[in-house]
């Protein structure tokens, strides 16, 4: 959990002047533009997006990271960054800058790994690519489901607030139904993997910081 210390008269670094959430949003936007330019120059998408077949063959392992900062279009980027701004800002306040950044990255990596393993387990198309920050985002959502279950949030175009403990899993189900009904390629298994990472970390925090997490539950109700 976040810790507080007395301020010392030292010069702040440039990175400490901005929240980690804003830095992540900036990096996502810049890398999206960069990757878009590279793909326009016939740069192989295998070097950027995560593909189960590549990973299982031991190729392009770095795509576990690059895929987290690439999006399938401007709308995909906008939705994820809009969500990250609100969800990430809250989680960053709860965890603190450093712990929040590490968790965000681990959740994204776990989501990518879950996507690859589930593709193998369910005999899915191993040539399918996956990109986006939503795996890490669902990690943040999963964490809030446990730490702030009664926090009222607005989901998509629903005009009434829904408690986080219902909204988190609900979004996952809705996206799954949309992908099946409309035959739209959505990384549902990556989303589920991210959510699972958030739930696991949430359980760990609730056990280690019982009083603090109970206080959070009361405050964000």
C-alpha atoms as a PDB file:
ATOM      1  CA  UNK A   1       0.000   0.000   0.000  1.00  0.00           C
ATOM      2  CA  UNK A   2       1.032   3.606  -0.400  1.00  0.00           C
ATOM      3  CA  UNK A   3       3.272   5.050   2.309  1.00  0.00           C
ATOM      4  CA  UNK A   4       3.788   8.649   3.333  1.00  0.00           C
ATOM      5  CA  UNK A   5       7.040  10.297   4.346  1.00  0.00           C
ATOM      6  CA  UNK A   6       8.059  13.758   5.429  1.00  0.00           C
ATOM      7  CA  UNK A   7       9.047  15.907   2.516  1.00  0.00           C
ATOM      8  CA  UNK A   8      12.757  16.555   2.259  1.00  0.00           C
ATOM      9  CA  UNK A   9      14.175  19.649   0.521  1.00  0.00           C
ATOM     10  CA  UNK A  10      15.336  17.832  -2.580  1.00  0.00           C
ATOM     11  CA  UNK A  11      14.777  18.565  -6.221  1.00  0.00           C
ATOM     12  CA  UNK A  12      11.984  16.647  -7.880  1.00  0.00           C
ATOM     13  CA  UNK A  13      12.662  14.717 -11.062  1.00  0.00           C
ATOM     14  CA  UNK A  14      10.614  15.434 -14.162  1.00  0.00           C
ATOM     15  CA  UNK A  15       8.877  12.045 -13.939  1.00  0.00           C
ATOM     16  CA  UNK A  16       7.768  12.688 -10.355  1.00  0.00           C
ATOM     17  CA  UNK A  17       5.943  15.832 -11.493  1.00  0.00           C
ATOM     18  CA  UNK A  18       3.424  13.731 -13.424  1.00  0.00           C
ATOM     19  CA  UNK A  19       1.309  10.796 -12.314  1.00  0.00           C
ATOM     20  CA  UNK A  20       2.241   7.334 -13.567  1.00  0.00           C
ATOM     21  CA  UNK A  21      -1.203   7.139 -15.142  1.00  0.00           C
ATOM     22  CA  UNK A  22      -0.588  10.226 -17.284  1.00  0.00           C
ATOM     23  CA  UNK A  23       2.844   8.914 -18.258  1.00  0.00           C
ATOM     24  CA  UNK A  24       1.323   5.558 -19.297  1.00  0.00           C
ATOM     25  CA  UNK A  25      -1.322   7.346 -21.364  1.00  0.00           C
ATOM     26  CA  UNK A  26       1.352   9.467 -23.053  1.00  0.00           C
ATOM     27  CA  UNK A  27       3.507   6.413 -23.815  1.00  0.00           C
ATOM     28  CA  UNK A  28       0.502   4.540 -25.229  1.00  0.00           C
ATOM     29  CA  UNK A  29      -0.361   7.427 -27.551  1.00  0.00           C
ATOM     30  CA  UNK A  30       3.220   7.897 -28.746  1.00  0.00           C
ATOM     31  CA  UNK A  31       3.842   4.194 -29.339  1.00  0.00           C
ATOM     32  CA  UNK A  32       0.508   3.852 -31.133  1.00  0.00           C
ATOM     33  CA  UNK A  33       1.503   6.609 -33.561  1.00  0.00           C
ATOM     34  CA  UNK A  34       4.987   5.127 -33.968  1.00  0.00           C
ATOM     35  CA  UNK A  35       3.746   1.597 -34.581  1.00  0.00           C
ATOM     36  CA  UNK A  36       1.115   2.939 -36.994  1.00  0.00           C
ATOM     37  CA  UNK A  37       3.857   4.596 -39.035  1.00  0.00           C
ATOM     38  CA  UNK A  38       6.007   1.468 -38.982  1.00  0.00           C
ATOM     39  CA  UNK A  39       3.141  -0.771 -40.089  1.00  0.00           C
ATOM     40  CA  UNK A  40       2.420   1.693 -42.898  1.00  0.00           C
ATOM     41  CA  UNK A  41       6.019   1.102 -44.004  1.00  0.00           C
ATOM     42  CA  UNK A  42       5.365  -2.656 -44.153  1.00  0.00           C
ATOM     43  CA  UNK A  43       6.989  -3.314 -40.769  1.00  0.00           C
ATOM     44  CA  UNK A  44       5.939  -6.878 -39.753  1.00  0.00           C
ATOM     45  CA  UNK A  45       3.166  -6.829 -37.151  1.00  0.00           C
ATOM     46  CA  UNK A  46       4.725  -9.984 -35.676  1.00  0.00           C
ATOM     47  CA  UNK A  47       7.342  -7.713 -34.121  1.00  0.00           C
ATOM     48  CA  UNK A  48       4.685  -5.718 -32.260  1.00  0.00           C
ATOM     49  CA  UNK A  49       1.529  -7.738 -31.563  1.00  0.00           C
ATOM     50  CA  UNK A  50       1.486 -10.901 -29.496  1.00  0.00           C
ATOM     51  CA  UNK A  51       0.649 -14.084 -31.404  1.00  0.00           C
ATOM     52  CA  UNK A  52       0.386 -17.464 -29.631  1.00  0.00           C
ATOM     53  CA  UNK A  53       2.108 -19.365 -32.442  1.00  0.00           C
ATOM     54  CA  UNK A  54       5.139 -17.073 -32.300  1.00  0.00           C
ATOM     55  CA  UNK A  55       5.427 -17.341 -28.524  1.00  0.00           C
ATOM     56  CA  UNK A  56       5.069 -21.119 -28.513  1.00  0.00           C
ATOM     57  CA  UNK A  57       7.903 -21.285 -31.045  1.00  0.00           C
ATOM     58  CA  UNK A  58      10.045 -19.073 -28.835  1.00  0.00           C
ATOM     59  CA  UNK A  59       9.917 -16.128 -31.230  1.00  0.00           C
ATOM     60  CA  UNK A  60       9.237 -12.428 -30.566  1.00  0.00           C
ATOM     61  CA  UNK A  61       9.023 -12.811 -26.789  1.00  0.00           C
ATOM     62  CA  UNK A  62       9.237  -9.038 -26.392  1.00  0.00           C
ATOM     63  CA  UNK A  63       5.715  -8.741 -27.834  1.00  0.00           C
ATOM     64  CA  UNK A  64       4.416  -9.499 -24.331  1.00  0.00           C
ATOM     65  CA  UNK A  65       5.396  -5.873 -23.649  1.00  0.00           C
ATOM     66  CA  UNK A  66       5.021  -4.150 -27.035  1.00  0.00           C
ATOM     67  CA  UNK A  67       1.485  -5.512 -27.471  1.00  0.00           C
ATOM     68  CA  UNK A  68       0.479  -3.729 -24.248  1.00  0.00           C
ATOM     69  CA  UNK A  69       1.241  -0.375 -25.882  1.00  0.00           C
ATOM     70  CA  UNK A  70      -0.248  -1.003 -29.333  1.00  0.00           C
ATOM     71  CA  UNK A  71      -3.926  -0.625 -30.244  1.00  0.00           C
ATOM     72  CA  UNK A  72      -6.058  -1.779 -33.160  1.00  0.00           C
ATOM     73  CA  UNK A  73      -7.330   1.705 -34.008  1.00  0.00           C
ATOM     74  CA  UNK A  74      -8.074   5.193 -32.709  1.00  0.00           C
ATOM     75  CA  UNK A  75     -11.355   4.139 -31.072  1.00  0.00           C
ATOM     76  CA  UNK A  76      -9.640   1.225 -29.334  1.00  0.00           C
ATOM     77  CA  UNK A  77      -6.936   3.582 -28.076  1.00  0.00           C
ATOM     78  CA  UNK A  78      -9.445   6.227 -26.944  1.00  0.00           C
ATOM     79  CA  UNK A  79     -11.623   3.805 -24.969  1.00  0.00           C
ATOM     80  CA  UNK A  80      -8.648   2.256 -23.200  1.00  0.00           C
ATOM     81  CA  UNK A  81      -6.955   5.559 -22.386  1.00  0.00           C
ATOM     82  CA  UNK A  82     -10.224   7.129 -21.233  1.00  0.00           C
ATOM     83  CA  UNK A  83     -10.753   4.169 -18.888  1.00  0.00           C
ATOM     84  CA  UNK A  84      -7.130   4.226 -17.744  1.00  0.00           C
ATOM     85  CA  UNK A  85      -7.367   7.899 -16.816  1.00  0.00           C
ATOM     86  CA  UNK A  86     -10.186   7.303 -14.332  1.00  0.00           C
ATOM     87  CA  UNK A  87      -9.460   3.774 -13.109  1.00  0.00           C
ATOM     88  CA  UNK A  88      -5.690   4.147 -13.076  1.00  0.00           C
ATOM     89  CA  UNK A  89      -5.776   7.458 -11.217  1.00  0.00           C
ATOM     90  CA  UNK A  90      -7.727   5.865  -8.371  1.00  0.00           C
ATOM     91  CA  UNK A  91      -5.553   2.751  -8.170  1.00  0.00           C
ATOM     92  CA  UNK A  92      -2.411   4.902  -8.244  1.00  0.00           C
ATOM     93  CA  UNK A  93      -3.691   6.863  -5.231  1.00  0.00           C
ATOM     94  CA  UNK A  94      -4.367   3.625  -3.385  1.00  0.00           C
ATOM     95  CA  UNK A  95      -1.144   1.767  -4.182  1.00  0.00           C
ATOM     96  CA  UNK A  96       1.360   4.578  -4.648  1.00  0.00           C
ATOM     97  CA  UNK A  97       3.368   5.323  -7.796  1.00  0.00           C
ATOM     98  CA  UNK A  98       5.943   2.539  -7.739  1.00  0.00           C
ATOM     99  CA  UNK A  99       3.687  -0.307  -6.605  1.00  0.00           C
ATOM    100  CA  UNK A 100       1.012   0.824  -9.076  1.00  0.00           C
ATOM    101  CA  UNK A 101       3.424   0.811 -12.025  1.00  0.00           C
ATOM    102  CA  UNK A 102       4.796  -2.635 -11.206  1.00  0.00           C
ATOM    103  CA  UNK A 103       1.313  -4.062 -10.789  1.00  0.00           C
ATOM    104  CA  UNK A 104       0.104  -2.513 -14.056  1.00  0.00           C
ATOM    105  CA  UNK A 105       2.964  -4.121 -15.964  1.00  0.00           C
ATOM    106  CA  UNK A 106       2.628  -7.504 -14.253  1.00  0.00           C
ATOM    107  CA  UNK A 107      -1.131  -7.545 -14.882  1.00  0.00           C
ATOM    108  CA  UNK A 108      -0.553  -6.791 -18.568  1.00  0.00           C
ATOM    109  CA  UNK A 109       2.098  -9.491 -18.873  1.00  0.00           C
ATOM    110  CA  UNK A 110      -0.095 -12.018 -17.072  1.00  0.00           C
ATOM    111  CA  UNK A 111      -2.994 -11.158 -19.396  1.00  0.00           C
ATOM    112  CA  UNK A 112      -0.778 -11.805 -22.418  1.00  0.00           C
ATOM    113  CA  UNK A 113       0.451 -15.104 -20.987  1.00  0.00           C
ATOM    114  CA  UNK A 114      -3.112 -16.164 -20.194  1.00  0.00           C
ATOM    115  CA  UNK A 115      -4.121 -15.317 -23.771  1.00  0.00           C
ATOM    116  CA  UNK A 116      -1.354 -17.518 -25.182  1.00  0.00           C
ATOM    117  CA  UNK A 117      -1.969 -20.463 -22.847  1.00  0.00           C
ATOM    118  CA  UNK A 118      -5.750 -20.364 -23.278  1.00  0.00           C
ATOM    119  CA  UNK A 119      -5.323 -20.353 -27.065  1.00  0.00           C
ATOM    120  CA  UNK A 120      -3.307 -23.540 -26.736  1.00  0.00           C
ATOM    121  CA  UNK A 121      -5.638 -25.130 -24.165  1.00  0.00           C
ATOM    122  CA  UNK A 122      -8.832 -24.482 -26.130  1.00  0.00           C
ATOM    123  CA  UNK A 123      -7.321 -25.209 -29.550  1.00  0.00           C
ATOM    124  CA  UNK A 124      -7.996 -21.668 -30.724  1.00  0.00           C
ATOM    125  CA  UNK A 125      -6.461 -20.052 -33.795  1.00  0.00           C
ATOM    126  CA  UNK A 126      -2.791 -19.705 -32.883  1.00  0.00           C
ATOM    127  CA  UNK A 127      -2.303 -17.147 -35.664  1.00  0.00           C
ATOM    128  CA  UNK A 128      -4.574 -14.607 -33.954  1.00  0.00           C
ATOM    129  CA  UNK A 129      -2.882 -11.378 -32.887  1.00  0.00           C
ATOM    130  CA  UNK A 130      -3.686  -9.477 -29.687  1.00  0.00           C
ATOM    131  CA  UNK A 131      -2.893  -5.870 -28.814  1.00  0.00           C
ATOM    132  CA  UNK A 132      -4.063  -3.302 -26.304  1.00  0.00           C
ATOM    133  CA  UNK A 133      -3.838  -2.084 -22.736  1.00  0.00           C
ATOM    134  CA  UNK A 134      -7.127  -3.680 -21.735  1.00  0.00           C
ATOM    135  CA  UNK A 135      -5.469  -6.724 -20.154  1.00  0.00           C
ATOM    136  CA  UNK A 136      -3.637  -4.469 -17.702  1.00  0.00           C
ATOM    137  CA  UNK A 137      -6.780  -2.365 -17.308  1.00  0.00           C
ATOM    138  CA  UNK A 138      -8.795  -5.378 -16.256  1.00  0.00           C
ATOM    139  CA  UNK A 139      -6.063  -6.070 -13.721  1.00  0.00           C
ATOM    140  CA  UNK A 140      -6.833  -2.672 -12.167  1.00  0.00           C
ATOM    141  CA  UNK A 141     -10.543  -3.447 -12.324  1.00  0.00           C
ATOM    142  CA  UNK A 142     -10.061  -6.814 -10.621  1.00  0.00           C
ATOM    143  CA  UNK A 143      -8.095  -5.137  -7.849  1.00  0.00           C
ATOM    144  CA  UNK A 144     -10.848  -2.574  -7.259  1.00  0.00           C
ATOM    145  CA  UNK A 145     -13.478  -5.308  -7.226  1.00  0.00           C
ATOM    146  CA  UNK A 146     -11.859  -6.621  -4.046  1.00  0.00           C
ATOM    147  CA  UNK A 147     -10.560  -3.420  -2.443  1.00  0.00           C
ATOM    148  CA  UNK A 148     -13.509  -1.124  -3.236  1.00  0.00           C
ATOM    149  CA  UNK A 149     -16.413  -3.504  -4.020  1.00  0.00           C
ATOM    150  CA  UNK A 150     -19.145  -0.979  -3.246  1.00  0.00           C
ATOM    151  CA  UNK A 151     -17.622   1.916  -5.179  1.00  0.00           C
ATOM    152  CA  UNK A 152     -20.315   3.279  -7.549  1.00  0.00           C
ATOM    153  CA  UNK A 153     -19.041   3.591 -11.132  1.00  0.00           C
ATOM    154  CA  UNK A 154     -20.541   4.441 -14.508  1.00  0.00           C
ATOM    155  CA  UNK A 155     -20.108   1.811 -17.209  1.00  0.00           C
ATOM    156  CA  UNK A 156     -20.119   2.706 -20.879  1.00  0.00           C
ATOM    157  CA  UNK A 157     -23.494   4.250 -21.788  1.00  0.00           C
ATOM    158  CA  UNK A 158     -25.428   3.126 -18.703  1.00  0.00           C
ATOM    159  CA  UNK A 159     -26.696   6.342 -17.007  1.00  0.00           C
ATOM    160  CA  UNK A 160     -26.856   4.891 -13.494  1.00  0.00           C
ATOM    161  CA  UNK A 161     -23.929   3.990 -11.203  1.00  0.00           C
ATOM    162  CA  UNK A 162     -23.179   0.325 -10.610  1.00  0.00           C
ATOM    163  CA  UNK A 163     -21.176  -1.087  -7.718  1.00  0.00           C
ATOM    164  CA  UNK A 164     -17.666  -2.114  -8.737  1.00  0.00           C
ATOM    165  CA  UNK A 165     -18.157  -5.709  -7.582  1.00  0.00           C
ATOM    166  CA  UNK A 166     -20.882  -6.047 -10.229  1.00  0.00           C
ATOM    167  CA  UNK A 167     -19.492  -3.684 -12.864  1.00  0.00           C
ATOM    168  CA  UNK A 168     -16.088  -5.400 -13.151  1.00  0.00           C
ATOM    169  CA  UNK A 169     -17.293  -8.914 -13.979  1.00  0.00           C
ATOM    170  CA  UNK A 170     -20.277  -7.445 -15.828  1.00  0.00           C
ATOM    171  CA  UNK A 171     -18.092  -5.595 -18.335  1.00  0.00           C
ATOM    172  CA  UNK A 172     -16.187  -8.807 -19.002  1.00  0.00           C
ATOM    173  CA  UNK A 173     -19.412 -10.726 -19.694  1.00  0.00           C
ATOM    174  CA  UNK A 174     -20.847  -7.975 -21.918  1.00  0.00           C
ATOM    175  CA  UNK A 175     -17.691  -7.802 -24.025  1.00  0.00           C
ATOM    176  CA  UNK A 176     -17.716 -11.576 -24.346  1.00  0.00           C
ATOM    177  CA  UNK A 177     -21.339 -11.563 -25.542  1.00  0.00           C
ATOM    178  CA  UNK A 178     -20.631  -8.750 -28.011  1.00  0.00           C
ATOM    179  CA  UNK A 179     -17.680 -10.629 -29.482  1.00  0.00           C
ATOM    180  CA  UNK A 180     -19.718 -13.820 -29.883  1.00  0.00           C
ATOM    181  CA  UNK A 181     -22.906 -12.205 -31.209  1.00  0.00           C
ATOM    182  CA  UNK A 182     -21.135  -9.845 -33.588  1.00  0.00           C
ATOM    183  CA  UNK A 183     -18.205 -12.115 -34.424  1.00  0.00           C
ATOM    184  CA  UNK A 184     -15.874  -9.318 -33.312  1.00  0.00           C
ATOM    185  CA  UNK A 185     -12.249 -10.172 -32.420  1.00  0.00           C
ATOM    186  CA  UNK A 186     -12.027  -9.094 -28.771  1.00  0.00           C
ATOM    187  CA  UNK A 187      -9.270 -10.392 -26.489  1.00  0.00           C
ATOM    188  CA  UNK A 188     -11.641 -11.921 -23.953  1.00  0.00           C
ATOM    189  CA  UNK A 189      -9.160 -14.398 -22.552  1.00  0.00           C
ATOM    190  CA  UNK A 190      -6.600 -11.616 -22.080  1.00  0.00           C
ATOM    191  CA  UNK A 191      -9.252  -9.559 -20.275  1.00  0.00           C
ATOM    192  CA  UNK A 192     -10.061 -12.489 -18.028  1.00  0.00           C
ATOM    193  CA  UNK A 193      -6.371 -13.073 -17.341  1.00  0.00           C
ATOM    194  CA  UNK A 194      -5.936  -9.433 -16.332  1.00  0.00           C
ATOM    195  CA  UNK A 195      -8.996  -9.559 -14.092  1.00  0.00           C
ATOM    196  CA  UNK A 196      -7.661 -12.722 -12.476  1.00  0.00           C
ATOM    197  CA  UNK A 197      -4.302 -11.036 -11.808  1.00  0.00           C
ATOM    198  CA  UNK A 198      -6.119  -8.163 -10.116  1.00  0.00           C
ATOM    199  CA  UNK A 199      -8.172 -10.500  -7.935  1.00  0.00           C
ATOM    200  CA  UNK A 200      -5.067 -12.428  -6.876  1.00  0.00           C
ATOM    201  CA  UNK A 201      -3.199  -9.248  -5.961  1.00  0.00           C
ATOM    202  CA  UNK A 202      -6.279  -7.927  -4.203  1.00  0.00           C
ATOM    203  CA  UNK A 203      -6.455 -11.054  -2.042  1.00  0.00           C
ATOM    204  CA  UNK A 204      -2.783 -10.643  -1.184  1.00  0.00           C
ATOM    205  CA  UNK A 205      -3.272  -7.011  -0.127  1.00  0.00           C
ATOM    206  CA  UNK A 206      -6.383  -7.825   1.910  1.00  0.00           C
ATOM    207  CA  UNK A 207      -4.439 -10.468   3.802  1.00  0.00           C
ATOM    208  CA  UNK A 208      -1.280  -8.404   4.346  1.00  0.00           C
ATOM    209  CA  UNK A 209      -2.932  -5.029   4.999  1.00  0.00           C
ATOM    210  CA  UNK A 210      -6.180  -6.069   6.626  1.00  0.00           C
ATOM    211  CA  UNK A 211      -6.887  -2.799   8.461  1.00  0.00           C
ATOM    212  CA  UNK A 212      -5.983  -0.564   5.529  1.00  0.00           C
ATOM    213  CA  UNK A 213      -8.051  -2.531   3.040  1.00  0.00           C
ATOM    214  CA  UNK A 214     -11.032  -2.570   5.403  1.00  0.00           C
ATOM    215  CA  UNK A 215     -10.695   1.205   5.732  1.00  0.00           C
ATOM    216  CA  UNK A 216     -10.610   1.561   1.935  1.00  0.00           C
ATOM    217  CA  UNK A 217     -13.737  -0.544   1.641  1.00  0.00           C
ATOM    218  CA  UNK A 218     -15.573   1.810   4.004  1.00  0.00           C
ATOM    219  CA  UNK A 219     -14.293   5.022   2.425  1.00  0.00           C
ATOM    220  CA  UNK A 220     -15.150   4.053  -1.151  1.00  0.00           C
ATOM    221  CA  UNK A 221     -18.717   2.912  -0.494  1.00  0.00           C
END
